[in-house]
All heavy atoms as atom14 arrays in JSON, in Angstrom:
{
  "sequence": "SGLDEDVRAFVMEHPVTVEFMNRMKDMLNFLLPNYREEGKHRLVIAV",
  "atom14_mask": [
    [1, 1, 1, 1, 1, 1, 0, 0, 0, 0, 0, 0, 0, 0],
    [1, 1, 1, 1, 0, 0, 0, 0, 0, 0, 0, 0, 0, 0],
    [1, 1, 1, 1, 1, 1, 1, 1, 0, 0, 0, 0, 0, 0],
    [1, 1, 1, 1, 1, 1, 1, 1, 0, 0, 0, 0, 0, 0],
    [1, 1, 1, 1, 1, 1, 1, 1, 1, 0, 0, 0, 0, 0],
    [1, 1, 1, 1, 1, 1, 1, 1, 0, 0, 0, 0, 0, 0],
    [1, 1, 1, 1, 1, 1, 1, 0, 0, 0, 0, 0, 0, 0],
    [1, 1, 1, 1, 1, 1, 1, 1, 1, 1, 1, 0, 0, 0],
    [1, 1, 1, 1, 1, 0, 0, 0, 0, 0, 0, 0, 0, 0],
    [1, 1, 1, 1, 1, 1, 1, 1, 1, 1, 1, 0, 0, 0],
    [1, 1, 1, 1, 1, 1, 1, 0, 0, 0, 0, 0, 0, 0],
    [1, 1, 1, 1, 1, 1, 1, 1, 0, 0, 0, 0, 0, 0],
    [1, 1, 1, 1, 1, 1, 1, 1, 1, 0, 0, 0, 0, 0],
    [1, 1, 1, 1, 1, 1, 1, 1, 1, 1, 0, 0, 0, 0],
    [1, 1, 1, 1, 1, 1, 1, 0, 0, 0, 0, 0, 0, 0],
    [1, 1, 1, 1, 1, 1, 1, 0, 0, 0, 0, 0, 0, 0],
    [1, 1, 1, 1, 1, 1, 1, 0, 0, 0, 0, 0, 0, 0],
    [1, 1, 1, 1, 1, 1, 1, 0, 0, 0, 0, 0, 0, 0],
    [1, 1, 1, 1, 1, 1, 1, 1, 1, 0, 0, 0, 0, 0],
    [1, 1, 1, 1, 1, 1, 1, 1, 1, 1, 1, 0, 0, 0],
    [1, 1, 1, 1, 1, 1, 1, 1, 0, 0, 0, 0, 0, 0],
    [1, 1, 1, 1, 1, 1, 1, 1, 0, 0, 0, 0, 0, 0],
    [1, 1, 1, 1, 1, 1, 1, 1, 1, 1, 1, 0, 0, 0],
    [1, 1, 1, 1, 1, 1, 1, 1, 0, 0, 0, 0, 0, 0],
    [1, 1, 1, 1, 1, 1, 1, 1, 1, 0, 0, 0, 0, 0],
    [1, 1, 1, 1, 1, 1, 1, 1, 0, 0, 0, 0, 0, 0],
    [1, 1, 1, 1, 1, 1, 1, 1, 0, 0, 0, 0, 0, 0],
    [1, 1, 1, 1, 1, 1, 1, 1, 0, 0, 0, 0, 0, 0],
    [1, 1, 1, 1, 1, 1, 1, 1, 0, 0, 0, 0, 0, 0],
    [1, 1, 1, 1, 1, 1, 1, 1, 1, 1, 1, 0, 0, 0],
    [1, 1, 1, 1, 1, 1, 1, 1, 0, 0, 0, 0, 0, 0],
    [1, 1, 1, 1, 1, 1, 1, 1, 0, 0, 0, 0, 0, 0],
    [1, 1, 1, 1, 1, 1, 1, 0, 0, 0, 0, 0, 0, 0],
    [1, 1, 1, 1, 1, 1, 1, 1, 0, 0, 0, 0, 0, 0],
    [1, 1, 1, 1, 1, 1, 1, 1, 1, 1, 1, 1, 0, 0],
    [1, 1, 1, 1, 1, 1, 1, 1, 1, 1, 1, 0, 0, 0],
    [1, 1, 1, 1, 1, 1, 1, 1, 1, 0, 0, 0, 0, 0],
    [1, 1, 1, 1, 1, 1, 1, 1, 1, 0, 0, 0, 0, 0],
    [1, 1, 1, 1, 0, 0, 0, 0, 0, 0, 0, 0, 0, 0],
    [1, 1, 1, 1, 1, 1, 1, 1, 1, 0, 0, 0, 0, 0],
    [1, 1, 1, 1, 1, 1, 1, 1, 1, 1, 0, 0, 0, 0],
    [1, 1, 1, 1, 1, 1, 1, 1, 1, 1, 1, 0, 0, 0],
    [1, 1, 1, 1, 1, 1, 1, 1, 0, 0, 0, 0, 0, 0],
    [1, 1, 1, 1, 1, 1, 1, 0, 0, 0, 0, 0, 0, 0],
    [1, 1, 1, 1, 1, 1, 1, 1, 0, 0, 0, 0, 0, 0],
    [1, 1, 1, 1, 1, 0, 0, 0, 0, 0, 0, 0, 0, 0],
    [1, 1, 1, 1, 1, 1, 1, 0, 0, 0, 0, 0, 0, 0]
  ],
  "atom14_positions": [
    [[19.47, 19.11, -1.4], [20.1, 17.88, -0.89], [19.17, 16.69, -1.09], [18.02, 16.84, -1.52], [20.42, 18.03, 0.61], [19.25, 17.86, 1.39], [0.0, 0.0, 0.0], [0.0, 0.0, 0.0], [0.0, 0.0, 0.0], [0.0, 0.0, 0.0], [0.0, 0.0, 0.0], [0.0, 0.0, 0.0], [0.0, 0.0, 0.0], [0.0, 0.0, 0.0]],
    [[19.69, 15.53, -0.73], [18.89, 14.31, -0.84], [17.71, 14.27, 0.1], [16.87, 13.36, 0.0], [0.0, 0.0, 0.0], [0.0, 0.0, 0.0], [0.0, 0.0, 0.0], [0.0, 0.0, 0.0], [0.0, 0.0, 0.0], [0.0, 0.0, 0.0], [0.0, 0.0, 0.0], [0.0, 0.0, 0.0], [0.0, 0.0, 0.0], [0.0, 0.0, 0.0]],
    [[17.6, 15.25, 1.01], [16.42, 15.35, 1.86], [15.28, 16.09, 1.17], [14.14, 16.03, 1.63], [16.78, 16.08, 3.17], [17.79, 15.39, 4.09], [18.09, 16.27, 5.3], [17.28, 14.04, 4.54], [0.0, 0.0, 0.0], [0.0, 0.0, 0.0], [0.0, 0.0, 0.0], [0.0, 0.0, 0.0], [0.0, 0.0, 0.0], [0.0, 0.0, 0.0]],
    [[15.6, 16.81, 0.08], [14.58, 17.54, -0.67], [13.91, 16.62, -1.68], [14.55, 15.78, -2.31], [15.2, 18.75, -1.38], [15.77, 19.75, -0.38], [15.04, 20.1, 0.56], [16.93, 20.18, -0.56], [0.0, 0.0, 0.0], [0.0, 0.0, 0.0], [0.0, 0.0, 0.0], [0.0, 0.0, 0.0], [0.0, 0.0, 0.0], [0.0, 0.0, 0.0]],
    [[12.61, 16.84, -1.86], [11.82, 15.94, -2.69], [12.3, 15.93, -4.14], [12.3, 14.88, -4.79], [10.35, 16.34, -2.63], [9.42, 15.49, -3.51], [9.49, 14.0, -3.17], [9.78, 13.66, -2.01], [9.27, 13.19, -4.09], [0.0, 0.0, 0.0], [0.0, 0.0, 0.0], [0.0, 0.0, 0.0], [0.0, 0.0, 0.0], [0.0, 0.0, 0.0]],
    [[12.72, 17.09, -4.68], [13.12, 17.12, -6.09], [14.4, 16.3, -6.32], [14.5, 15.56, -7.3], [13.31, 18.56, -6.58], [14.22, 19.39, -5.69], [14.67, 18.88, -4.65], [14.45, 20.57, -6.03], [0.0, 0.0, 0.0], [0.0, 0.0, 0.0], [0.0, 0.0, 0.0], [0.0, 0.0, 0.0], [0.0, 0.0, 0.0], [0.0, 0.0, 0.0]],
    [[15.35, 16.39, -5.4], [16.58, 15.59, -5.52], [16.27, 14.11, -5.3], [16.75, 13.24, -6.03], [17.65, 16.07, -4.52], [18.84, 15.13, -4.52], [18.1, 17.48, -4.86], [0.0, 0.0, 0.0], [0.0, 0.0, 0.0], [0.0, 0.0, 0.0], [0.0, 0.0, 0.0], [0.0, 0.0, 0.0], [0.0, 0.0, 0.0], [0.0, 0.0, 0.0]],
    [[15.47, 13.84, -4.28], [15.1, 12.45, -3.99], [14.44, 11.8, -5.21], [14.77, 10.67, -5.6], [14.16, 12.39, -2.79], [13.91, 10.97, -2.28], [12.62, 10.87, -1.52], [11.48, 11.05, -2.41], [11.0, 10.11, -3.19], [11.54, 8.9, -3.2], [9.97, 10.35, -3.97], [0.0, 0.0, 0.0], [0.0, 0.0, 0.0], [0.0, 0.0, 0.0]],
    [[13.51, 12.53, -5.83], [12.81, 11.99, -7.0], [13.77, 11.76, -8.16], [13.7, 10.73, -8.85], [11.69, 12.95, -7.42], [0.0, 0.0, 0.0], [0.0, 0.0, 0.0], [0.0, 0.0, 0.0], [0.0, 0.0, 0.0], [0.0, 0.0, 0.0], [0.0, 0.0, 0.0], [0.0, 0.0, 0.0], [0.0, 0.0, 0.0], [0.0, 0.0, 0.0]],
    [[14.7, 12.7, -8.37], [15.67, 12.56, -9.45], [16.51, 11.3, -9.25], [16.76, 10.54, -10.19], [16.58, 13.79, -9.5], [17.68, 13.69, -10.51], [17.47, 14.09, -11.83], [18.94, 13.2, -10.16], [18.5, 13.99, -12.78], [19.96, 13.09, -11.09], [19.74, 13.49, -12.41], [0.0, 0.0, 0.0], [0.0, 0.0, 0.0], [0.0, 0.0, 0.0]],
    [[16.98, 11.09, -8.03], [17.85, 9.94, -7.76], [17.07, 8.64, -7.87], [17.52, 7.67, -8.5], [18.49, 10.05, -6.36], [19.25, 8.77, -6.01], [19.42, 11.26, -6.31], [0.0, 0.0, 0.0], [0.0, 0.0, 0.0], [0.0, 0.0, 0.0], [0.0, 0.0, 0.0], [0.0, 0.0, 0.0], [0.0, 0.0, 0.0], [0.0, 0.0, 0.0]],
    [[15.9, 8.6, -7.28], [15.17, 7.33, -7.13], [14.44, 6.89, -8.39], [14.11, 5.71, -8.52], [14.18, 7.44, -5.97], [14.8, 7.8, -4.63], [16.12, 6.68, -4.09], [15.22, 5.15, -3.89], [0.0, 0.0, 0.0], [0.0, 0.0, 0.0], [0.0, 0.0, 0.0], [0.0, 0.0, 0.0], [0.0, 0.0, 0.0], [0.0, 0.0, 0.0]],
    [[14.17, 7.8, -9.32], [13.34, 7.43, -10.46], [14.12, 6.72, -11.57], [13.52, 6.1, -12.45], [12.68, 8.68, -11.05], [13.64, 9.63, -11.74], [12.97, 10.91, -12.21], [11.79, 11.1, -11.91], [13.64, 11.71, -12.88], [0.0, 0.0, 0.0], [0.0, 0.0, 0.0], [0.0, 0.0, 0.0], [0.0, 0.0, 0.0], [0.0, 0.0, 0.0]],
    [[15.45, 6.79, -11.55], [16.25, 6.18, -12.62], [16.19, 4.65, -12.51], [16.25, 4.09, -11.41], [17.7, 6.65, -12.54], [17.89, 8.04, -13.06], [17.65, 9.16, -12.28], [18.29, 8.5, -14.27], [17.9, 10.24, -12.99], [18.29, 9.87, -14.2], [0.0, 0.0, 0.0], [0.0, 0.0, 0.0], [0.0, 0.0, 0.0], [0.0, 0.0, 0.0]],
    [[16.11, 3.97, -13.64], [16.05, 2.49, -13.62], [17.21, 1.85, -12.88], [17.03, 0.84, -12.19], [16.06, 2.13, -15.12], [15.48, 3.33, -15.79], [15.94, 4.51, -15.0], [0.0, 0.0, 0.0], [0.0, 0.0, 0.0], [0.0, 0.0, 0.0], [0.0, 0.0, 0.0], [0.0, 0.0, 0.0], [0.0, 0.0, 0.0], [0.0, 0.0, 0.0]],
    [[18.41, 2.44, -13.01], [19.55, 1.85, -12.33], [19.39, 1.93, -10.81], [19.8, 1.02, -10.08], [20.88, 2.53, -12.77], [20.92, 3.99, -12.34], [22.08, 1.77, -12.25], [0.0, 0.0, 0.0], [0.0, 0.0, 0.0], [0.0, 0.0, 0.0], [0.0, 0.0, 0.0], [0.0, 0.0, 0.0], [0.0, 0.0, 0.0], [0.0, 0.0, 0.0]],
    [[18.74, 2.99, -10.32], [18.5, 3.11, -8.88], [17.46, 2.11, -8.43], [17.59, 1.5, -7.36], [18.04, 4.54, -8.53], [18.94, 5.49, -9.08], [17.96, 4.73, -7.02], [0.0, 0.0, 0.0], [0.0, 0.0, 0.0], [0.0, 0.0, 0.0], [0.0, 0.0, 0.0], [0.0, 0.0, 0.0], [0.0, 0.0, 0.0], [0.0, 0.0, 0.0]],
    [[16.42, 1.94, -9.23], [15.37, 0.97, -8.9], [15.96, -0.42, -8.79], [15.68, -1.17, -7.83], [14.24, 1.01, -9.96], [13.22, -0.1, -9.68], [13.55, 2.38, -9.97], [0.0, 0.0, 0.0], [0.0, 0.0, 0.0], [0.0, 0.0, 0.0], [0.0, 0.0, 0.0], [0.0, 0.0, 0.0], [0.0, 0.0, 0.0], [0.0, 0.0, 0.0]],
    [[16.81, -0.8, -9.75], [17.42, -2.13, -9.71], [18.35, -2.25, -8.52], [18.38, -3.29, -7.83], [18.2, -2.39, -11.0], [18.82, -3.78, -11.03], [19.49, -4.1, -12.35], [19.41, -3.28, -13.29], [20.11, -5.19, -12.43], [0.0, 0.0, 0.0], [0.0, 0.0, 0.0], [0.0, 0.0, 0.0], [0.0, 0.0, 0.0], [0.0, 0.0, 0.0]],
    [[19.13, -1.19, -8.25], [20.03, -1.2, -7.11], [19.27, -1.41, -5.81], [19.67, -2.22, -4.96], [20.83, 0.1, -7.05], [21.58, 0.3, -5.77], [22.75, -0.39, -5.51], [21.1, 1.17, -4.79], [23.45, -0.21, -4.32], [21.78, 1.35, -3.6], [22.96, 0.66, -3.36], [0.0, 0.0, 0.0], [0.0, 0.0, 0.0], [0.0, 0.0, 0.0]],
    [[18.17, -0.68, -5.62], [17.4, -0.79, -4.39], [16.79, -2.17, -4.24], [16.74, -2.73, -3.14], [16.32, 0.28, -4.34], [16.84, 1.7, -4.08], [17.77, 1.87, -2.54], [16.53, 1.4, -1.32], [0.0, 0.0, 0.0], [0.0, 0.0, 0.0], [0.0, 0.0, 0.0], [0.0, 0.0, 0.0], [0.0, 0.0, 0.0], [0.0, 0.0, 0.0]],
    [[16.32, -2.75, -5.33], [15.76, -4.1, -5.26], [16.82, -5.12, -4.84], [16.56, -6.0, -3.99], [15.17, -4.5, -6.61], [13.87, -3.77, -6.91], [13.17, -3.33, -5.99], [13.53, -3.62, -8.18], [0.0, 0.0, 0.0], [0.0, 0.0, 0.0], [0.0, 0.0, 0.0], [0.0, 0.0, 0.0], [0.0, 0.0, 0.0], [0.0, 0.0, 0.0]],
    [[18.0, -5.0, -5.41], [19.09, -5.91, -5.04], [19.54, -5.66, -3.6], [19.87, -6.61, -2.86], [20.27, -5.73, -6.0], [19.98, -6.24, -7.41], [21.12, -5.87, -8.37], [20.83, -6.33, -9.71], [21.36, -7.39, -10.3], [22.2, -8.16, -9.6], [21.06, -7.72, -11.53], [0.0, 0.0, 0.0], [0.0, 0.0, 0.0], [0.0, 0.0, 0.0]],
    [[19.55, -4.39, -3.21], [19.94, -4.06, -1.84], [18.95, -4.64, -0.83], [19.35, -5.17, 0.21], [20.02, -2.53, -1.7], [20.27, -2.02, -0.28], [21.73, -2.72, 0.5], [22.94, -2.38, -0.78], [0.0, 0.0, 0.0], [0.0, 0.0, 0.0], [0.0, 0.0, 0.0], [0.0, 0.0, 0.0], [0.0, 0.0, 0.0], [0.0, 0.0, 0.0]],
    [[17.67, -4.53, -1.11], [16.66, -5.08, -0.21], [16.83, -6.59, -0.07], [16.73, -7.13, 1.04], [15.26, -4.75, -0.73], [14.92, -3.27, -0.64], [13.59, -2.97, -1.31], [13.27, -1.47, -1.29], [12.01, -1.17, -2.0], [0.0, 0.0, 0.0], [0.0, 0.0, 0.0], [0.0, 0.0, 0.0], [0.0, 0.0, 0.0], [0.0, 0.0, 0.0]],
    [[17.08, -7.28, -1.18], [17.3, -8.72, -1.12], [18.51, -9.05, -0.24], [18.49, -10.0, 0.55], [17.51, -9.29, -2.53], [16.24, -9.33, -3.35], [15.14, -9.25, -2.74], [16.32, -9.42, -4.59], [0.0, 0.0, 0.0], [0.0, 0.0, 0.0], [0.0, 0.0, 0.0], [0.0, 0.0, 0.0], [0.0, 0.0, 0.0], [0.0, 0.0, 0.0]],
    [[19.59, -8.26, -0.41], [20.79, -8.52, 0.38], [20.54, -8.3, 1.86], [20.95, -9.11, 2.7], [21.93, -7.62, -0.1], [23.26, -7.92, 0.61], [24.62, -6.87, 0.08], [24.21, -5.37, 0.96], [0.0, 0.0, 0.0], [0.0, 0.0, 0.0], [0.0, 0.0, 0.0], [0.0, 0.0, 0.0], [0.0, 0.0, 0.0], [0.0, 0.0, 0.0]],
    [[19.85, -7.21, 2.22], [19.57, -6.92, 3.62], [18.63, -7.95, 4.22], [18.79, -8.35, 5.37], [18.97, -5.52, 3.75], [19.93, -4.36, 3.43], [19.19, -3.02, 3.51], [21.12, -4.35, 4.39], [0.0, 0.0, 0.0], [0.0, 0.0, 0.0], [0.0, 0.0, 0.0], [0.0, 0.0, 0.0], [0.0, 0.0, 0.0], [0.0, 0.0, 0.0]],
    [[17.65, -8.41, 3.43], [16.74, -9.44, 3.92], [17.48, -10.74, 4.23], [17.08, -11.5, 5.12], [15.65, -9.72, 2.88], [14.68, -8.56, 2.75], [14.55, -7.74, 3.65], [14.0, -8.48, 1.61], [0.0, 0.0, 0.0], [0.0, 0.0, 0.0], [0.0, 0.0, 0.0], [0.0, 0.0, 0.0], [0.0, 0.0, 0.0], [0.0, 0.0, 0.0]],
    [[18.56, -10.98, 3.5], [19.39, -12.17, 3.77], [20.35, -11.93, 4.93], [20.49, -12.78, 5.82], [20.17, -12.53, 2.5], [21.23, -13.58, 2.74], [20.89, -14.92, 2.88], [22.56, -13.22, 2.84], [21.86, -15.88, 3.12], [23.54, -14.18, 3.07], [23.19, -15.52, 3.21], [0.0, 0.0, 0.0], [0.0, 0.0, 0.0], [0.0, 0.0, 0.0]],
    [[21.01, -10.76, 4.93], [22.08, -10.51, 5.9], [21.59, -10.31, 7.33], [22.15, -10.88, 8.27], [22.9, -9.28, 5.48], [23.83, -9.42, 4.29], [24.51, -8.09, 4.0], [24.88, -10.49, 4.57], [0.0, 0.0, 0.0], [0.0, 0.0, 0.0], [0.0, 0.0, 0.0], [0.0, 0.0, 0.0], [0.0, 0.0, 0.0], [0.0, 0.0, 0.0]],
    [[20.56, -9.48, 7.51], [20.18, -9.08, 8.86], [19.79, -10.25, 9.75], [20.26, -10.34, 10.9], [19.09, -8.02, 8.82], [19.62, -6.58, 8.89], [20.53, -6.26, 7.71], [18.48, -5.57, 8.95], [0.0, 0.0, 0.0], [0.0, 0.0, 0.0], [0.0, 0.0, 0.0], [0.0, 0.0, 0.0], [0.0, 0.0, 0.0], [0.0, 0.0, 0.0]],
    [[18.94, -11.18, 9.29], [18.62, -12.33, 10.16], [19.85, -13.17, 10.48], [19.97, -13.7, 11.59], [17.61, -13.13, 9.33], [17.02, -12.14, 8.39], [18.13, -11.2, 8.06], [0.0, 0.0, 0.0], [0.0, 0.0, 0.0], [0.0, 0.0, 0.0], [0.0, 0.0, 0.0], [0.0, 0.0, 0.0], [0.0, 0.0, 0.0], [0.0, 0.0, 0.0]],
    [[20.79, -13.28, 9.53], [21.99, -14.07, 9.78], [22.95, -13.37, 10.73], [23.57, -14.01, 11.58], [22.69, -14.4, 8.46], [21.99, -15.51, 7.7], [22.11, -16.68, 8.04], [21.24, -15.14, 6.67], [0.0, 0.0, 0.0], [0.0, 0.0, 0.0], [0.0, 0.0, 0.0], [0.0, 0.0, 0.0], [0.0, 0.0, 0.0], [0.0, 0.0, 0.0]],
    [[23.08, -12.04, 10.58], [23.87, -11.28, 11.56], [23.29, -11.45, 12.96], [24.0, -11.65, 13.93], [23.88, -9.79, 11.19], [24.86, -9.41, 10.11], [24.51, -8.49, 9.13], [26.15, -9.93, 10.08], [25.41, -8.1, 8.15], [27.06, -9.56, 9.1], [26.67, -8.64, 8.14], [27.56, -8.26, 7.18], [0.0, 0.0, 0.0], [0.0, 0.0, 0.0]],
    [[21.98, -11.33, 13.02], [21.29, -11.44, 14.32], [21.5, -12.83, 14.93], [21.73, -12.97, 16.13], [19.79, -11.15, 14.12], [18.96, -11.28, 15.38], [19.34, -10.2, 16.39], [18.63, -10.4, 17.64], [19.01, -11.25, 18.58], [20.09, -11.99, 18.4], [18.32, -11.37, 19.68], [0.0, 0.0, 0.0], [0.0, 0.0, 0.0], [0.0, 0.0, 0.0]],
    [[21.44, -13.85, 14.1], [21.61, -15.23, 14.56], [23.0, -15.44, 15.15], [23.18, -16.23, 16.08], [21.38, -16.2, 13.39], [21.39, -17.67, 13.78], [20.21, -18.05, 14.64], [19.17, -17.35, 14.6], [20.32, -19.06, 15.36], [0.0, 0.0, 0.0], [0.0, 0.0, 0.0], [0.0, 0.0, 0.0], [0.0, 0.0, 0.0], [0.0, 0.0, 0.0]],
    [[23.98, -14.73, 14.61], [25.36, -14.87, 15.08], [25.66, -13.97, 16.27], [26.8, -13.89, 16.72], [26.33, -14.57, 13.94], [26.42, -15.66, 12.9], [26.88, -16.97, 13.5], [27.9, -16.98, 14.21], [26.22, -18.0, 13.27], [0.0, 0.0, 0.0], [0.0, 0.0, 0.0], [0.0, 0.0, 0.0], [0.0, 0.0, 0.0], [0.0, 0.0, 0.0]],
    [[24.65, -13.27, 16.79], [24.83, -12.47, 17.99], [25.2, -11.02, 17.75], [25.53, -10.3, 18.69], [0.0, 0.0, 0.0], [0.0, 0.0, 0.0], [0.0, 0.0, 0.0], [0.0, 0.0, 0.0], [0.0, 0.0, 0.0], [0.0, 0.0, 0.0], [0.0, 0.0, 0.0], [0.0, 0.0, 0.0], [0.0, 0.0, 0.0], [0.0, 0.0, 0.0]],
    [[25.13, -10.55, 16.5], [25.42, -9.14, 16.22], [24.16, -8.32, 16.5], [23.09, -8.63, 15.99], [25.85, -8.96, 14.77], [26.4, -7.58, 14.45], [26.96, -7.54, 13.04], [27.6, -6.2, 12.72], [28.77, -5.92, 13.55], [0.0, 0.0, 0.0], [0.0, 0.0, 0.0], [0.0, 0.0, 0.0], [0.0, 0.0, 0.0], [0.0, 0.0, 0.0]],
    [[24.3, -7.28, 17.32], [23.13, -6.51, 17.72], [23.11, -5.1, 17.15], [22.13, -4.38, 17.33], [23.08, -6.42, 19.25], [23.1, -7.75, 19.92], [22.19, -8.75, 19.61], [23.93, -8.28, 20.85], [22.45, -9.82, 20.34], [23.5, -9.57, 21.09], [0.0, 0.0, 0.0], [0.0, 0.0, 0.0], [0.0, 0.0, 0.0], [0.0, 0.0, 0.0]],
    [[24.2, -4.7, 16.48], [24.24, -3.37, 15.88], [24.96, -3.45, 14.55], [26.03, -4.05, 14.46], [24.95, -2.37, 16.8], [25.0, -0.96, 16.26], [25.62, -0.02, 17.29], [27.01, -0.35, 17.55], [28.04, 0.1, 16.85], [27.83, 0.91, 15.84], [29.28, -0.24, 17.15], [0.0, 0.0, 0.0], [0.0, 0.0, 0.0], [0.0, 0.0, 0.0]],
    [[24.36, -2.86, 13.53], [24.94, -2.87, 12.19], [24.97, -1.44, 11.66], [23.94, -0.76, 11.66], [24.13, -3.77, 11.25], [24.65, -3.87, 9.82], [25.93, -4.7, 9.77], [23.59, -4.49, 8.9], [0.0, 0.0, 0.0], [0.0, 0.0, 0.0], [0.0, 0.0, 0.0], [0.0, 0.0, 0.0], [0.0, 0.0, 0.0], [0.0, 0.0, 0.0]],
    [[26.14, -1.0, 11.22], [26.28, 0.34, 10.64], [26.47, 0.2, 9.14], [27.45, -0.39, 8.68], [27.47, 1.11, 11.26], [27.58, 2.5, 10.63], [27.3, 1.23, 12.77], [0.0, 0.0, 0.0], [0.0, 0.0, 0.0], [0.0, 0.0, 0.0], [0.0, 0.0, 0.0], [0.0, 0.0, 0.0], [0.0, 0.0, 0.0], [0.0, 0.0, 0.0]],
    [[25.51, 0.73, 8.38], [25.58, 0.72, 6.92], [25.94, 2.13, 6.46], [25.18, 3.08, 6.69], [24.23, 0.3, 6.3], [23.8, -1.08, 6.82], [24.32, 0.3, 4.78], [22.41, -1.48, 6.38], [0.0, 0.0, 0.0], [0.0, 0.0, 0.0], [0.0, 0.0, 0.0], [0.0, 0.0, 0.0], [0.0, 0.0, 0.0], [0.0, 0.0, 0.0]],
    [[27.1, 2.28, 5.84], [27.54, 3.59, 5.35], [27.29, 3.67, 3.85], [27.67, 2.77, 3.09], [29.02, 3.8, 5.66], [0.0, 0.0, 0.0], [0.0, 0.0, 0.0], [0.0, 0.0, 0.0], [0.0, 0.0, 0.0], [0.0, 0.0, 0.0], [0.0, 0.0, 0.0], [0.0, 0.0, 0.0], [0.0, 0.0, 0.0], [0.0, 0.0, 0.0]],
    [[26.63, 4.74, 3.42], [26.29, 4.95, 2.02], [27.04, 6.19, 1.54], [26.83, 7.28, 2.08], [24.78, 5.14, 1.83], [24.45, 5.24, 0.34], [24.0, 4.0, 2.49], [0.0, 0.0, 0.0], [0.0, 0.0, 0.0], [0.0, 0.0, 0.0], [0.0, 0.0, 0.0], [0.0, 0.0, 0.0], [0.0, 0.0, 0.0], [0.0, 0.0, 0.0]]
  ]
}
């Protein structure tokens, strides 16, 4: 499963995953402070 190191490494090492994670981090860095500012105290991210 994705909890095992071999699967995790397979998924995370691909260039498309690296780009996806970088874009995702940028989006979360933008969204979370704005959600918080609007009074949202819990956010559920489903993957």
